[in-house]
Amino acid sequence: MTDAVSPECAAVLGGISAYLDGELETTECDAIERHCQACSSCAAVIQGLRDTIGLCRGVAVAPIPESVRVKAQASINALLKSPRT
């Protein structure tokens, strides 16, 4: 990965699961939504995850395989650890 992640993007990505699960306070959700209005990269990640969740809920009755979950978590962790340039 060559793109750096800003501290603001890292905060959004770090809270993305709680945001999508509806576990954040309104003020935190508002901050993420404001950030996504200005940051197309974070907006795309969130929309992609929403789409993926919708597809999984719509067609899957089995849980997501552990290997897929681990790979997705590793990808998010790599984004969070990416140095800012």
PDB file of N, CA and C in Angstrom:
ATOM      1  N   MET A   1       0.846  -1.163   0.000  1.00  0.00           N
ATOM      2  CA  MET A   1       0.000   0.000   0.000  1.00  0.00           C
ATOM      3  C   MET A   1       0.890   1.223   0.000  1.00  0.00           C
ATOM      4  N   THR A   2       0.648   2.160  -0.901  1.00  0.00           N
ATOM      5  CA  THR A   2       1.498   3.320  -1.018  1.00  0.00           C
ATOM      6  C   THR A   2       0.833   4.592  -0.517  1.00  0.00           C
ATOM      7  N   ASP A   3      -0.468   4.613  -0.375  1.00  0.00           N
ATOM      8  CA  ASP A   3      -1.155   5.809   0.081  1.00  0.00           C
ATOM      9  C   ASP A   3      -1.090   5.917   1.592  1.00  0.00           C
ATOM     10  N   ALA A   4      -0.778   7.130   2.066  1.00  0.00           N
ATOM     11  CA  ALA A   4      -0.729   7.378   3.495  1.00  0.00           C
ATOM     12  C   ALA A   4      -2.138   7.648   4.011  1.00  0.00           C
ATOM     13  N   VAL A   5      -2.337   7.357   5.277  1.00  0.00           N
ATOM     14  CA  VAL A   5      -3.624   7.579   5.914  1.00  0.00           C
ATOM     15  C   VAL A   5      -3.465   8.719   6.910  1.00  0.00           C
ATOM     16  N   SER A   6      -4.294   9.732   6.779  1.00  0.00           N
ATOM     17  CA  SER A   6      -4.249  10.864   7.703  1.00  0.00           C
ATOM     18  C   SER A   6      -4.751  10.423   9.080  1.00  0.00           C
ATOM     19  N   PRO A   7      -4.429  11.173  10.120  1.00  0.00           N
ATOM     20  CA  PRO A   7      -4.958  10.839  11.443  1.00  0.00           C
ATOM     21  C   PRO A   7      -6.488  10.836  11.472  1.00  0.00           C
ATOM     22  N   GLU A   8      -7.100  11.734  10.724  1.00  0.00           N
ATOM     23  CA  GLU A   8      -8.563  11.781  10.682  1.00  0.00           C
ATOM     24  C   GLU A   8      -9.125  10.513  10.035  1.00  0.00           C
ATOM     25  N   CYS A   9      -8.491  10.106   8.935  1.00  0.00           N
ATOM     26  CA  CYS A   9      -8.933   8.873   8.269  1.00  0.00           C
ATOM     27  C   CYS A   9      -8.710   7.664   9.178  1.00  0.00           C
ATOM     28  N   ALA A  10      -7.593   7.640   9.876  1.00  0.00           N
ATOM     29  CA  ALA A  10      -7.316   6.529  10.794  1.00  0.00           C
ATOM     30  C   ALA A  10      -8.383   6.446  11.873  1.00  0.00           C
ATOM     31  N   ALA A  11      -8.829   7.597  12.375  1.00  0.00           N
ATOM     32  CA  ALA A  11      -9.875   7.600  13.401  1.00  0.00           C
ATOM     33  C   ALA A  11     -11.185   7.062  12.827  1.00  0.00           C
ATOM     34  N   VAL A  12     -11.517   7.460  11.602  1.00  0.00           N
ATOM     35  CA  VAL A  12     -12.736   6.966  10.960  1.00  0.00           C
ATOM     36  C   VAL A  12     -12.639   5.460  10.744  1.00  0.00           C
ATOM     37  N   LEU A  13     -11.519   5.005  10.187  1.00  0.00           N
ATOM     38  CA  LEU A  13     -11.347   3.576   9.934  1.00  0.00           C
ATOM     39  C   LEU A  13     -11.338   2.770  11.228  1.00  0.00           C
ATOM     40  N   GLY A  14     -10.767   3.350  12.281  1.00  0.00           N
ATOM     41  CA  GLY A  14     -10.730   2.660  13.575  1.00  0.00           C
ATOM     42  C   GLY A  14     -12.106   2.474  14.186  1.00  0.00           C
ATOM     43  N   GLY A  15     -13.042   3.376  13.869  1.00  0.00           N
ATOM     44  CA  GLY A  15     -14.386   3.291  14.433  1.00  0.00           C
ATOM     45  C   GLY A  15     -15.433   2.808  13.459  1.00  0.00           C
ATOM     46  N   ILE A  16     -14.985   2.305  12.323  1.00  0.00           N
ATOM     47  CA  ILE A  16     -15.917   1.964  11.247  1.00  0.00           C
ATOM     48  C   ILE A  16     -16.891   0.850  11.642  1.00  0.00           C
ATOM     49  N   SER A  17     -16.426  -0.133  12.366  1.00  0.00           N
ATOM     50  CA  SER A  17     -17.298  -1.234  12.759  1.00  0.00           C
ATOM     51  C   SER A  17     -18.407  -0.744  13.684  1.00  0.00           C
ATOM     52  N   ALA A  18     -18.032   0.016  14.702  1.00  0.00           N
ATOM     53  CA  ALA A  18     -19.027   0.552  15.637  1.00  0.00           C
ATOM     54  C   ALA A  18     -19.998   1.484  14.919  1.00  0.00           C
ATOM     55  N   TYR A  19     -19.487   2.253  13.967  1.00  0.00           N
ATOM     56  CA  TYR A  19     -20.342   3.154  13.190  1.00  0.00           C
ATOM     57  C   TYR A  19     -21.373   2.360  12.390  1.00  0.00           C
ATOM     58  N   LEU A  20     -20.915   1.371  11.656  1.00  0.00           N
ATOM     59  CA  LEU A  20     -21.821   0.580  10.822  1.00  0.00           C
ATOM     60  C   LEU A  20     -22.797  -0.249  11.655  1.00  0.00           C
ATOM     61  N   ASP A  21     -22.384  -0.613  12.871  1.00  0.00           N
ATOM     62  CA  ASP A  21     -23.254  -1.390  13.753  1.00  0.00           C
ATOM     63  C   ASP A  21     -24.210  -0.517  14.557  1.00  0.00           C
ATOM     64  N   GLY A  22     -24.099   0.824  14.394  1.00  0.00           N
ATOM     65  CA  GLY A  22     -24.986   1.732  15.116  1.00  0.00           C
ATOM     66  C   GLY A  22     -24.664   1.844  16.587  1.00  0.00           C
ATOM     67  N   GLU A  23     -23.407   1.640  16.950  1.00  0.00           N
ATOM     68  CA  GLU A  23     -23.006   1.635  18.351  1.00  0.00           C
ATOM     69  C   GLU A  23     -22.403   2.954  18.827  1.00  0.00           C
ATOM     70  N   LEU A  24     -22.312   3.956  17.947  1.00  0.00           N
ATOM     71  CA  LEU A  24     -21.702   5.232  18.313  1.00  0.00           C
ATOM     72  C   LEU A  24     -22.762   6.250  18.705  1.00  0.00           C
ATOM     73  N   GLU A  25     -22.337   7.223  19.499  1.00  0.00           N
ATOM     74  CA  GLU A  25     -23.200   8.339  19.856  1.00  0.00           C
ATOM     75  C   GLU A  25     -23.452   9.182  18.605  1.00  0.00           C
ATOM     76  N   THR A  26     -24.512   9.941  18.624  1.00  0.00           N
ATOM     77  CA  THR A  26     -24.877  10.786  17.483  1.00  0.00           C
ATOM     78  C   THR A  26     -23.753  11.725  17.095  1.00  0.00           C
ATOM     79  N   THR A  27     -23.074  12.315  18.070  1.00  0.00           N
ATOM     80  CA  THR A  27     -22.007  13.264  17.752  1.00  0.00           C
ATOM     81  C   THR A  27     -20.858  12.575  17.025  1.00  0.00           C
ATOM     82  N   GLU A  28     -20.551  11.339  17.415  1.00  0.00           N
ATOM     83  CA  GLU A  28     -19.493  10.590  16.741  1.00  0.00           C
ATOM     84  C   GLU A  28     -19.907  10.229  15.313  1.00  0.00           C
ATOM     85  N   CYS A  29     -21.152   9.831  15.141  1.00  0.00           N
ATOM     86  CA  CYS A  29     -21.664   9.517  13.796  1.00  0.00           C
ATOM     87  C   CYS A  29     -21.626  10.759  12.919  1.00  0.00           C
ATOM     88  N   ASP A  30     -22.033  11.894  13.478  1.00  0.00           N
ATOM     89  CA  ASP A  30     -22.020  13.146  12.725  1.00  0.00           C
ATOM     90  C   ASP A  30     -20.609  13.499  12.278  1.00  0.00           C
ATOM     91  N   ALA A  31     -19.633  13.291  13.153  1.00  0.00           N
ATOM     92  CA  ALA A  31     -18.241  13.602  12.810  1.00  0.00           C
ATOM     93  C   ALA A  31     -17.754  12.712  11.665  1.00  0.00           C
ATOM     94  N   ILE A  32     -18.092  11.439  11.707  1.00  0.00           N
ATOM     95  CA  ILE A  32     -17.703  10.526  10.627  1.00  0.00           C
ATOM     96  C   ILE A  32     -18.369  10.933   9.325  1.00  0.00           C
ATOM     97  N   GLU A  33     -19.642  11.266   9.394  1.00  0.00           N
ATOM     98  CA  GLU A  33     -20.360  11.654   8.180  1.00  0.00           C
ATOM     99  C   GLU A  33     -19.821  12.962   7.598  1.00  0.00           C
ATOM    100  N   ARG A  34     -19.457  13.920   8.451  1.00  0.00           N
ATOM    101  CA  ARG A  34     -18.845  15.164   7.961  1.00  0.00           C
ATOM    102  C   ARG A  34     -17.508  14.869   7.297  1.00  0.00           C
ATOM    103  N   HIS A  35     -16.718  14.001   7.929  1.00  0.00           N
ATOM    104  CA  HIS A  35     -15.428  13.630   7.356  1.00  0.00           C
ATOM    105  C   HIS A  35     -15.619  13.003   5.976  1.00  0.00           C
ATOM    106  N   CYS A  36     -16.591  12.119   5.854  1.00  0.00           N
ATOM    107  CA  CYS A  36     -16.822  11.421   4.586  1.00  0.00           C
ATOM    108  C   CYS A  36     -17.337  12.351   3.493  1.00  0.00           C
ATOM    109  N   GLN A  37     -17.951  13.452   3.865  1.00  0.00           N
ATOM    110  CA  GLN A  37     -18.371  14.430   2.861  1.00  0.00           C
ATOM    111  C   GLN A  37     -17.156  15.070   2.195  1.00  0.00           C
ATOM    112  N   ALA A  38     -16.058  15.181   2.956  1.00  0.00           N
ATOM    113  CA  ALA A  38     -14.840  15.800   2.425  1.00  0.00           C
ATOM    114  C   ALA A  38     -13.807  14.777   1.961  1.00  0.00           C
ATOM    115  N   CYS A  39     -13.947  13.527   2.372  1.00  0.00           N
ATOM    116  CA  CYS A  39     -12.944  12.505   2.066  1.00  0.00           C
ATOM    117  C   CYS A  39     -13.584  11.373   1.267  1.00  0.00           C
ATOM    118  N   SER A  40     -13.359  11.389  -0.019  1.00  0.00           N
ATOM    119  CA  SER A  40     -13.971  10.372  -0.876  1.00  0.00           C
ATOM    120  C   SER A  40     -13.426   8.973  -0.595  1.00  0.00           C
ATOM    121  N   SER A  41     -12.184   8.884  -0.113  1.00  0.00           N
ATOM    122  CA  SER A  41     -11.608   7.559   0.182  1.00  0.00           C
ATOM    123  C   SER A  41     -12.343   6.889   1.333  1.00  0.00           C
ATOM    124  N   CYS A  42     -12.550   7.604   2.411  1.00  0.00           N
ATOM    125  CA  CYS A  42     -13.266   7.028   3.566  1.00  0.00           C
ATOM    126  C   CYS A  42     -14.724   6.765   3.206  1.00  0.00           C
ATOM    127  N   ALA A  43     -15.323   7.685   2.450  1.00  0.00           N
ATOM    128  CA  ALA A  43     -16.706   7.490   2.022  1.00  0.00           C
ATOM    129  C   ALA A  43     -16.831   6.213   1.193  1.00  0.00           C
ATOM    130  N   ALA A  44     -15.856   5.972   0.328  1.00  0.00           N
ATOM    131  CA  ALA A  44     -15.881   4.773  -0.513  1.00  0.00           C
ATOM    132  C   ALA A  44     -15.711   3.505   0.324  1.00  0.00           C
ATOM    133  N   VAL A  45     -14.837   3.554   1.322  1.00  0.00           N
ATOM    134  CA  VAL A  45     -14.649   2.384   2.192  1.00  0.00           C
ATOM    135  C   VAL A  45     -15.941   2.067   2.920  1.00  0.00           C
ATOM    136  N   ILE A  46     -16.562   3.089   3.498  1.00  0.00           N
ATOM    137  CA  ILE A  46     -17.806   2.873   4.236  1.00  0.00           C
ATOM    138  C   ILE A  46     -18.903   2.361   3.314  1.00  0.00           C
ATOM    139  N   GLN A  47     -19.037   2.965   2.144  1.00  0.00           N
ATOM    140  CA  GLN A  47     -20.074   2.508   1.214  1.00  0.00           C
ATOM    141  C   GLN A  47     -19.801   1.079   0.757  1.00  0.00           C
ATOM    142  N   GLY A  48     -18.543   0.772   0.504  1.00  0.00           N
ATOM    143  CA  GLY A  48     -18.196  -0.593   0.105  1.00  0.00           C
ATOM    144  C   GLY A  48     -18.536  -1.610   1.180  1.00  0.00           C
ATOM    145  N   LEU A  49     -18.265  -1.258   2.418  1.00  0.00           N
ATOM    146  CA  LEU A  49     -18.603  -2.163   3.518  1.00  0.00           C
ATOM    147  C   LEU A  49     -20.114  -2.288   3.682  1.00  0.00           C
ATOM    148  N   ARG A  50     -20.826  -1.180   3.550  1.00  0.00           N
ATOM    149  CA  ARG A  50     -22.299  -1.243   3.619  1.00  0.00           C
ATOM    150  C   ARG A  50     -22.837  -2.166   2.529  1.00  0.00           C
ATOM    151  N   ASP A  51     -22.313  -2.011   1.320  1.00  0.00           N
ATOM    152  CA  ASP A  51     -22.748  -2.863   0.208  1.00  0.00           C
ATOM    153  C   ASP A  51     -22.444  -4.330   0.494  1.00  0.00           C
ATOM    154  N   THR A  52     -21.239  -4.587   1.000  1.00  0.00           N
ATOM    155  CA  THR A  52     -20.831  -5.955   1.308  1.00  0.00           C
ATOM    156  C   THR A  52     -21.711  -6.558   2.396  1.00  0.00           C
ATOM    157  N   ILE A  53     -21.970  -5.787   3.437  1.00  0.00           N
ATOM    158  CA  ILE A  53     -22.836  -6.265   4.523  1.00  0.00           C
ATOM    159  C   ILE A  53     -24.225  -6.580   3.982  1.00  0.00           C
ATOM    160  N   GLY A  54     -24.739  -5.692   3.136  1.00  0.00           N
ATOM    161  CA  GLY A  54     -26.056  -5.922   2.552  1.00  0.00           C
ATOM    162  C   GLY A  54     -26.100  -7.192   1.716  1.00  0.00           C
ATOM    163  N   LEU A  55     -25.055  -7.392   0.921  1.00  0.00           N
ATOM    164  CA  LEU A  55     -24.999  -8.611   0.112  1.00  0.00           C
ATOM    165  C   LEU A  55     -24.920  -9.857   0.987  1.00  0.00           C
ATOM    166  N   CYS A  56     -24.092  -9.782   2.016  1.00  0.00           N
ATOM    167  CA  CYS A  56     -23.949 -10.937   2.911  1.00  0.00           C
ATOM    168  C   CYS A  56     -25.256 -11.248   3.623  1.00  0.00           C
ATOM    169  N   ARG A  57     -25.927 -10.217   4.079  1.00  0.00           N
ATOM    170  CA  ARG A  57     -27.203 -10.433   4.768  1.00  0.00           C
ATOM    171  C   ARG A  57     -28.265 -10.957   3.811  1.00  0.00           C
ATOM    172  N   GLY A  58     -28.181 -10.522   2.560  1.00  0.00           N
ATOM    173  CA  GLY A  58     -29.192 -10.910   1.591  1.00  0.00           C
ATOM    174  C   GLY A  58     -29.055 -12.318   1.066  1.00  0.00           C
ATOM    175  N   VAL A  59     -27.839 -12.839   1.015  1.00  0.00           N
ATOM    176  CA  VAL A  59     -27.655 -14.145   0.384  1.00  0.00           C
ATOM    177  C   VAL A  59     -27.015 -15.199   1.279  1.00  0.00           C
ATOM    178  N   ALA A  60     -26.410 -14.795   2.345  1.00  0.00           N
ATOM    179  CA  ALA A  60     -25.668 -15.762   3.151  1.00  0.00           C
ATOM    180  C   ALA A  60     -26.452 -16.171   4.389  1.00  0.00           C
ATOM    181  N   VAL A  61     -26.469 -17.443   4.632  1.00  0.00           N
ATOM    182  CA  VAL A  61     -27.037 -17.948   5.870  1.00  0.00           C
ATOM    183  C   VAL A  61     -25.924 -18.474   6.770  1.00  0.00           C
ATOM    184  N   ALA A  62     -24.772 -18.705   6.183  1.00  0.00           N
ATOM    185  CA  ALA A  62     -23.623 -19.186   6.940  1.00  0.00           C
ATOM    186  C   ALA A  62     -22.780 -17.988   7.381  1.00  0.00           C
ATOM    187  N   PRO A  63     -22.085 -18.113   8.498  1.00  0.00           N
ATOM    188  CA  PRO A  63     -21.204 -17.029   8.925  1.00  0.00           C
ATOM    189  C   PRO A  63     -20.059 -16.834   7.932  1.00  0.00           C
ATOM    190  N   ILE A  64     -19.495 -15.634   7.943  1.00  0.00           N
ATOM    191  CA  ILE A  64     -18.346 -15.341   7.087  1.00  0.00           C
ATOM    192  C   ILE A  64     -17.206 -16.264   7.511  1.00  0.00           C
ATOM    193  N   PRO A  65     -16.546 -16.890   6.555  1.00  0.00           N
ATOM    194  CA  PRO A  65     -15.437 -17.782   6.903  1.00  0.00           C
ATOM    195  C   PRO A  65     -14.343 -17.034   7.674  1.00  0.00           C
ATOM    196  N   GLU A  66     -13.760 -17.715   8.609  1.00  0.00           N
ATOM    197  CA  GLU A  66     -12.709 -17.117   9.445  1.00  0.00           C
ATOM    198  C   GLU A  66     -11.579 -16.549   8.595  1.00  0.00           C
ATOM    199  N   SER A  67     -11.204 -17.237   7.526  1.00  0.00           N
ATOM    200  CA  SER A  67     -10.109 -16.754   6.684  1.00  0.00           C
ATOM    201  C   SER A  67     -10.448 -15.409   6.039  1.00  0.00           C
ATOM    202  N   VAL A  68     -11.700 -15.208   5.661  1.00  0.00           N
ATOM    203  CA  VAL A  68     -12.131 -13.937   5.070  1.00  0.00           C
ATOM    204  C   VAL A  68     -12.126 -12.845   6.129  1.00  0.00           C
ATOM    205  N   ARG A  69     -12.626 -13.151   7.315  1.00  0.00           N
ATOM    206  CA  ARG A  69     -12.654 -12.182   8.408  1.00  0.00           C
ATOM    207  C   ARG A  69     -11.246 -11.757   8.779  1.00  0.00           C
ATOM    208  N   VAL A  70     -10.336 -12.710   8.866  1.00  0.00           N
ATOM    209  CA  VAL A  70      -8.945 -12.418   9.223  1.00  0.00           C
ATOM    210  C   VAL A  70      -8.294 -11.541   8.148  1.00  0.00           C
ATOM    211  N   LYS A  71      -8.542 -11.856   6.880  1.00  0.00           N
ATOM    212  CA  LYS A  71      -7.965 -11.061   5.795  1.00  0.00           C
ATOM    213  C   LYS A  71      -8.509  -9.634   5.816  1.00  0.00           C
ATOM    214  N   ALA A  72      -9.801  -9.471   6.045  1.00  0.00           N
ATOM    215  CA  ALA A  72     -10.393  -8.137   6.109  1.00  0.00           C
ATOM    216  C   ALA A  72      -9.813  -7.345   7.278  1.00  0.00           C
ATOM    217  N   GLN A  73      -9.672  -7.974   8.429  1.00  0.00           N
ATOM    218  CA  GLN A  73      -9.097  -7.302   9.595  1.00  0.00           C
ATOM    219  C   GLN A  73      -7.653  -6.913   9.331  1.00  0.00           C
ATOM    220  N   ALA A  74      -6.899  -7.769   8.677  1.00  0.00           N
ATOM    221  CA  ALA A  74      -5.510  -7.459   8.353  1.00  0.00           C
ATOM    222  C   ALA A  74      -5.426  -6.267   7.400  1.00  0.00           C
ATOM    223  N   SER A  75      -6.340  -6.188   6.454  1.00  0.00           N
ATOM    224  CA  SER A  75      -6.361  -5.053   5.530  1.00  0.00           C
ATOM    225  C   SER A  75      -6.645  -3.744   6.261  1.00  0.00           C
ATOM    226  N   ILE A  76      -7.597  -3.764   7.174  1.00  0.00           N
ATOM    227  CA  ILE A  76      -7.907  -2.568   7.960  1.00  0.00           C
ATOM    228  C   ILE A  76      -6.720  -2.187   8.825  1.00  0.00           C
ATOM    229  N   ASN A  77      -6.090  -3.160   9.470  1.00  0.00           N
ATOM    230  CA  ASN A  77      -4.920  -2.882  10.302  1.00  0.00           C
ATOM    231  C   ASN A  77      -3.782  -2.296   9.480  1.00  0.00           C
ATOM    232  N   ALA A  78      -3.583  -2.791   8.272  1.00  0.00           N
ATOM    233  CA  ALA A  78      -2.523  -2.260   7.401  1.00  0.00           C
ATOM    234  C   ALA A  78      -2.815  -0.812   7.052  1.00  0.00           C
ATOM    235  N   LEU A  79      -4.070  -0.485   6.785  1.00  0.00           N
ATOM    236  CA  LEU A  79      -4.436   0.907   6.508  1.00  0.00           C
ATOM    237  C   LEU A  79      -4.149   1.802   7.716  1.00  0.00           C
ATOM    238  N   LEU A  80      -4.482   1.317   8.886  1.00  0.00           N
ATOM    239  CA  LEU A  80      -4.264   2.109  10.102  1.00  0.00           C
ATOM    240  C   LEU A  80      -2.797   2.315  10.412  1.00  0.00           C
ATOM    241  N   LYS A  81      -1.943   1.367  10.032  1.00  0.00           N
ATOM    242  CA  LYS A  81      -0.506   1.455  10.318  1.00  0.00           C
ATOM    243  C   LYS A  81       0.276   2.138   9.209  1.00  0.00           C
ATOM    244  N   SER A  82      -0.375   2.455   8.089  1.00  0.00           N
ATOM    245  CA  SER A  82       0.295   3.070   6.960  1.00  0.00           C
ATOM    246  C   SER A  82       0.840   4.435   7.360  1.00  0.00           C
ATOM    247  N   PRO A  83       2.147   4.684   7.126  1.00  0.00           N
ATOM    248  CA  PRO A  83       2.722   5.976   7.526  1.00  0.00           C
ATOM    249  C   PRO A  83       2.206   7.114   6.662  1.00  0.00           C
ATOM    250  N   ARG A  84       2.052   8.256   7.266  1.00  0.00           N
ATOM    251  CA  ARG A  84       1.600   9.470   6.565  1.00  0.00           C
ATOM    252  C   ARG A  84       2.796  10.087   5.864  1.00  0.00           C
ATOM    253  N   THR A  85       2.655  10.364   4.549  1.00  0.00           N
ATOM    254  CA  THR A  85       3.757  10.991   3.804  1.00  0.00           C
ATOM    255  C   THR A  85       3.354  12.349   3.319  1.00  0.00           C
TER     256      THR A  85
END
